[in-house]
N, C-alpha and C. Protein backbone atom coordinates (compact mmCIF):
# COMPACT_ATOMS: atom_id res chain seq x y z
N MET A 1 0.88 -1.29 0.11
CA MET A 1 0.14 0.09 0.08
C MET A 1 0.81 1.04 0.10
N THR A 2 0.43 2.06 -1.03
CA THR A 2 1.47 3.49 -1.10
C THR A 2 0.85 4.49 0.21
N ILE A 3 1.73 5.34 0.30
CA ILE A 3 1.59 6.42 1.41
C ILE A 3 0.35 7.17 0.84
N GLU A 4 0.06 7.29 -0.40
CA GLU A 4 -1.34 8.12 -0.78
C GLU A 4 -2.52 7.38 -0.28
N GLN A 5 -2.37 6.00 -0.34
CA GLN A 5 -3.54 5.31 0.01
C GLN A 5 -3.81 5.05 1.68
N ARG A 6 -2.46 5.36 2.37
CA ARG A 6 -2.78 5.37 3.68
C ARG A 6 -3.44 6.65 4.25
N ARG A 7 -2.97 7.72 3.51
CA ARG A 7 -3.59 9.01 3.62
C ARG A 7 -5.11 9.15 3.64
N ASN A 8 -5.78 8.20 2.91
CA ASN A 8 -6.87 7.89 2.91
C ASN A 8 -7.66 7.18 3.96
N VAL A 9 -7.22 6.82 4.97
CA VAL A 9 -7.60 5.75 5.90
C VAL A 9 -7.97 6.71 6.86
N TYR A 10 -9.15 6.83 7.36
CA TYR A 10 -9.56 7.78 8.38
C TYR A 10 -10.22 6.65 9.77
N PRO A 11 -9.44 6.23 10.54
CA PRO A 11 -9.98 5.29 11.65
C PRO A 11 -10.55 6.38 12.61
N THR A 12 -11.82 5.37 13.31
CA THR A 12 -12.51 5.59 14.13
C THR A 12 -11.94 5.09 15.48
N MET A 13 -12.54 5.82 16.66
CA MET A 13 -11.98 5.55 17.90
C MET A 13 -13.20 4.60 18.57
N VAL A 14 -12.79 3.46 18.99
CA VAL A 14 -14.07 2.98 19.69
C VAL A 14 -13.92 3.17 21.28
N GLU A 15 -15.21 3.19 22.00
CA GLU A 15 -15.52 3.79 23.23
C GLU A 15 -14.53 3.30 24.46
N ALA A 16 -13.92 2.38 24.52
CA ALA A 16 -12.98 2.08 25.22
C ALA A 16 -11.50 2.71 24.90
N ALA A 17 -11.13 2.66 23.83
CA ALA A 17 -9.88 3.91 23.48
C ALA A 17 -10.00 5.37 23.90
N LYS A 18 -11.29 5.70 23.60
CA LYS A 18 -11.87 7.24 24.27
C LYS A 18 -11.83 7.10 25.57
N ALA A 19 -12.38 6.59 26.31
CA ALA A 19 -12.29 6.24 27.88
C ALA A 19 -11.21 6.36 28.38
N ALA A 20 -10.11 5.60 27.67
CA ALA A 20 -8.62 5.14 28.15
C ALA A 20 -7.74 6.46 27.89
N ILE A 21 -7.94 7.26 27.05
CA ILE A 21 -7.41 8.63 26.63
C ILE A 21 -7.73 9.46 27.45
N ASP A 22 -9.13 9.64 27.89
CA ASP A 22 -9.85 10.77 28.60
C ASP A 22 -9.09 10.55 29.82
N ASP A 23 -9.04 9.12 30.74
CA ASP A 23 -8.62 8.89 31.86
C ASP A 23 -7.09 8.98 32.07
N PHE A 24 -6.50 9.02 30.87
CA PHE A 24 -4.87 9.23 30.95
C PHE A 24 -4.83 10.73 31.03
N SER A 25 -5.64 11.54 30.13
CA SER A 25 -5.34 12.95 30.14
C SER A 25 -5.79 13.66 31.43
N ILE A 26 -6.74 13.07 32.04
CA ILE A 26 -7.26 13.38 33.44
C ILE A 26 -6.11 13.45 34.35
N ASP A 27 -5.44 12.17 34.33
CA ASP A 27 -4.17 11.76 35.12
C ASP A 27 -3.05 12.64 35.06
N ILE A 28 -2.84 13.05 33.84
CA ILE A 28 -1.92 13.89 33.54
C ILE A 28 -2.10 15.50 34.18
N ARG A 29 -3.32 15.85 33.96
CA ARG A 29 -3.62 17.14 34.50
C ARG A 29 -3.72 17.43 35.81
N MET A 30 -4.14 16.09 36.53
CA MET A 30 -3.93 16.11 38.04
C MET A 30 -2.63 16.37 38.39
N LYS A 31 -1.95 15.71 37.88
CA LYS A 31 -0.20 15.52 38.29
C LYS A 31 0.46 16.85 37.83
N SER A 32 0.05 17.44 37.07
CA SER A 32 0.71 18.75 36.43
C SER A 32 0.19 19.88 37.55
N ASP A 33 -0.89 19.55 38.28
CA ASP A 33 -1.17 20.63 39.11
C ASP A 33 -0.29 21.03 40.27
N ASP A 34 0.44 19.75 40.52
CA ASP A 34 1.60 20.09 41.49
C ASP A 34 2.77 21.00 41.29
N ARG A 35 3.02 21.81 42.14
CA ARG A 35 3.97 23.13 41.64
C ARG A 35 5.14 22.25 41.26
N ASP A 36 5.48 20.96 41.58
CA ASP A 36 6.90 20.77 41.13
C ASP A 36 6.77 19.77 39.81
N ALA A 37 5.68 19.88 39.41
CA ALA A 37 5.26 19.09 37.77
C ALA A 37 6.28 19.18 37.00
N PRO A 38 6.91 18.44 36.15
CA PRO A 38 7.81 18.84 34.98
C PRO A 38 7.15 19.45 34.08
N MET A 39 6.06 19.08 33.54
CA MET A 39 5.50 19.82 32.46
C MET A 39 3.86 19.83 32.67
N PRO A 40 3.17 21.08 32.45
CA PRO A 40 1.90 21.21 32.66
C PRO A 40 1.13 20.56 31.62
N GLY A 41 -0.23 19.99 32.17
CA GLY A 41 -1.03 19.44 31.24
C GLY A 41 -1.82 20.35 30.22
N SER A 42 -1.90 20.31 29.10
CA SER A 42 -2.55 21.38 27.96
C SER A 42 -3.36 20.69 27.05
N ALA A 43 -4.23 21.54 26.53
CA ALA A 43 -4.95 21.09 25.62
C ALA A 43 -4.34 20.65 24.31
N ARG A 44 -3.53 21.25 23.96
CA ARG A 44 -2.41 20.49 23.06
C ARG A 44 -1.85 19.32 23.23
N LYS A 45 -1.53 18.87 24.58
CA LYS A 45 -1.22 17.88 24.65
C LYS A 45 -2.33 16.55 24.76
N SER A 46 -3.39 17.24 25.06
CA SER A 46 -4.48 16.38 24.84
C SER A 46 -5.02 15.92 23.60
N GLU A 47 -4.86 17.07 22.48
CA GLU A 47 -5.21 16.51 21.11
C GLU A 47 -3.81 15.32 20.37
N THR A 48 -2.50 15.91 20.93
CA THR A 48 -1.74 15.01 20.64
C THR A 48 -2.08 13.32 21.09
N LEU A 49 -2.44 13.21 22.34
CA LEU A 49 -2.98 12.00 22.96
C LEU A 49 -4.09 11.21 22.06
N ILE A 50 -5.01 12.11 21.27
CA ILE A 50 -5.62 11.51 20.37
C ILE A 50 -5.07 11.13 18.96
N ARG A 51 -4.27 12.30 18.52
CA ARG A 51 -3.70 12.11 17.32
C ARG A 51 -2.66 10.92 17.04
N LEU A 52 -2.22 10.72 18.13
CA LEU A 52 -0.98 9.60 17.99
C LEU A 52 -1.73 8.07 17.74
N PRO A 53 -2.74 7.74 18.35
CA PRO A 53 -3.27 6.37 18.22
C PRO A 53 -4.06 6.56 16.82
N GLU A 54 -4.51 7.60 16.42
CA GLU A 54 -5.23 7.71 15.00
C GLU A 54 -4.27 7.37 13.93
N ASP A 55 -3.02 8.00 14.17
CA ASP A 55 -1.95 7.80 13.25
C ASP A 55 -1.53 6.70 13.28
N SER A 56 -1.22 6.08 14.24
CA SER A 56 -0.73 4.51 14.23
C SER A 56 -1.75 3.65 13.54
N ALA A 57 -3.26 3.71 13.75
CA ALA A 57 -3.99 3.08 13.05
C ALA A 57 -3.72 3.17 11.62
N ARG A 58 -3.67 4.56 11.45
CA ARG A 58 -3.63 4.71 9.87
C ARG A 58 -2.41 4.23 8.89
N ILE A 59 -1.37 4.01 9.77
CA ILE A 59 -0.13 3.29 9.40
C ILE A 59 -0.41 1.80 9.22
N ARG A 60 -1.08 1.23 10.02
CA ARG A 60 -1.41 -0.22 10.21
C ARG A 60 -2.62 -0.56 9.38
N ILE A 61 -3.14 0.44 8.48
CA ILE A 61 -4.16 0.46 7.72
C ILE A 61 -5.40 -0.29 8.35
N SER A 62 -5.76 0.22 9.62
CA SER A 62 -6.75 -0.17 10.02
C SER A 62 -8.05 0.84 10.48
N GLY A 63 -8.92 0.57 10.18
CA GLY A 63 -10.22 1.50 10.41
C GLY A 63 -10.90 1.86 11.55
N THR A 64 -10.00 1.14 12.98
CA THR A 64 -10.63 1.56 14.19
C THR A 64 -9.26 1.70 15.06
N VAL A 65 -9.43 2.39 15.93
CA VAL A 65 -8.50 2.58 17.03
C VAL A 65 -8.97 1.73 18.46
N LYS A 66 -8.30 0.62 18.68
CA LYS A 66 -8.94 0.04 19.91
C LYS A 66 -7.69 0.32 21.11
N GLU A 67 -8.67 0.35 22.34
CA GLU A 67 -7.64 0.41 23.41
C GLU A 67 -6.59 -0.55 23.66
N GLY A 68 -5.16 0.11 23.95
CA GLY A 68 -4.01 -1.03 24.16
C GLY A 68 -3.39 -1.50 22.84
N MET A 69 -3.68 -0.84 21.72
CA MET A 69 -2.95 -1.53 20.41
C MET A 69 -1.81 -1.38 20.19
N PRO A 70 -0.71 -0.36 20.45
CA PRO A 70 0.44 -0.19 20.08
C PRO A 70 1.58 -1.44 21.01
N GLY A 71 1.00 -1.59 22.23
CA GLY A 71 1.68 -2.33 23.15
C GLY A 71 1.58 -3.99 23.02
N GLU A 72 0.46 -4.33 22.31
CA GLU A 72 0.14 -5.84 22.23
C GLU A 72 1.31 -6.81 21.58
């Protein structure tokens, strides 16, 4: 499959994956409230947490993003 074909894959995220990303994002924000936190949580970081699994699914030519896929 060519790069152009992979660009036309638009994966959807299953509910379990959405929940896992939400939980992880909330955890990051909670930890970033600490004064000694190395890096604050932001909306941009949250967007990245969504974009990375979608891009991973696109590379694998998968139509869905499922929870726990990269480490399987």
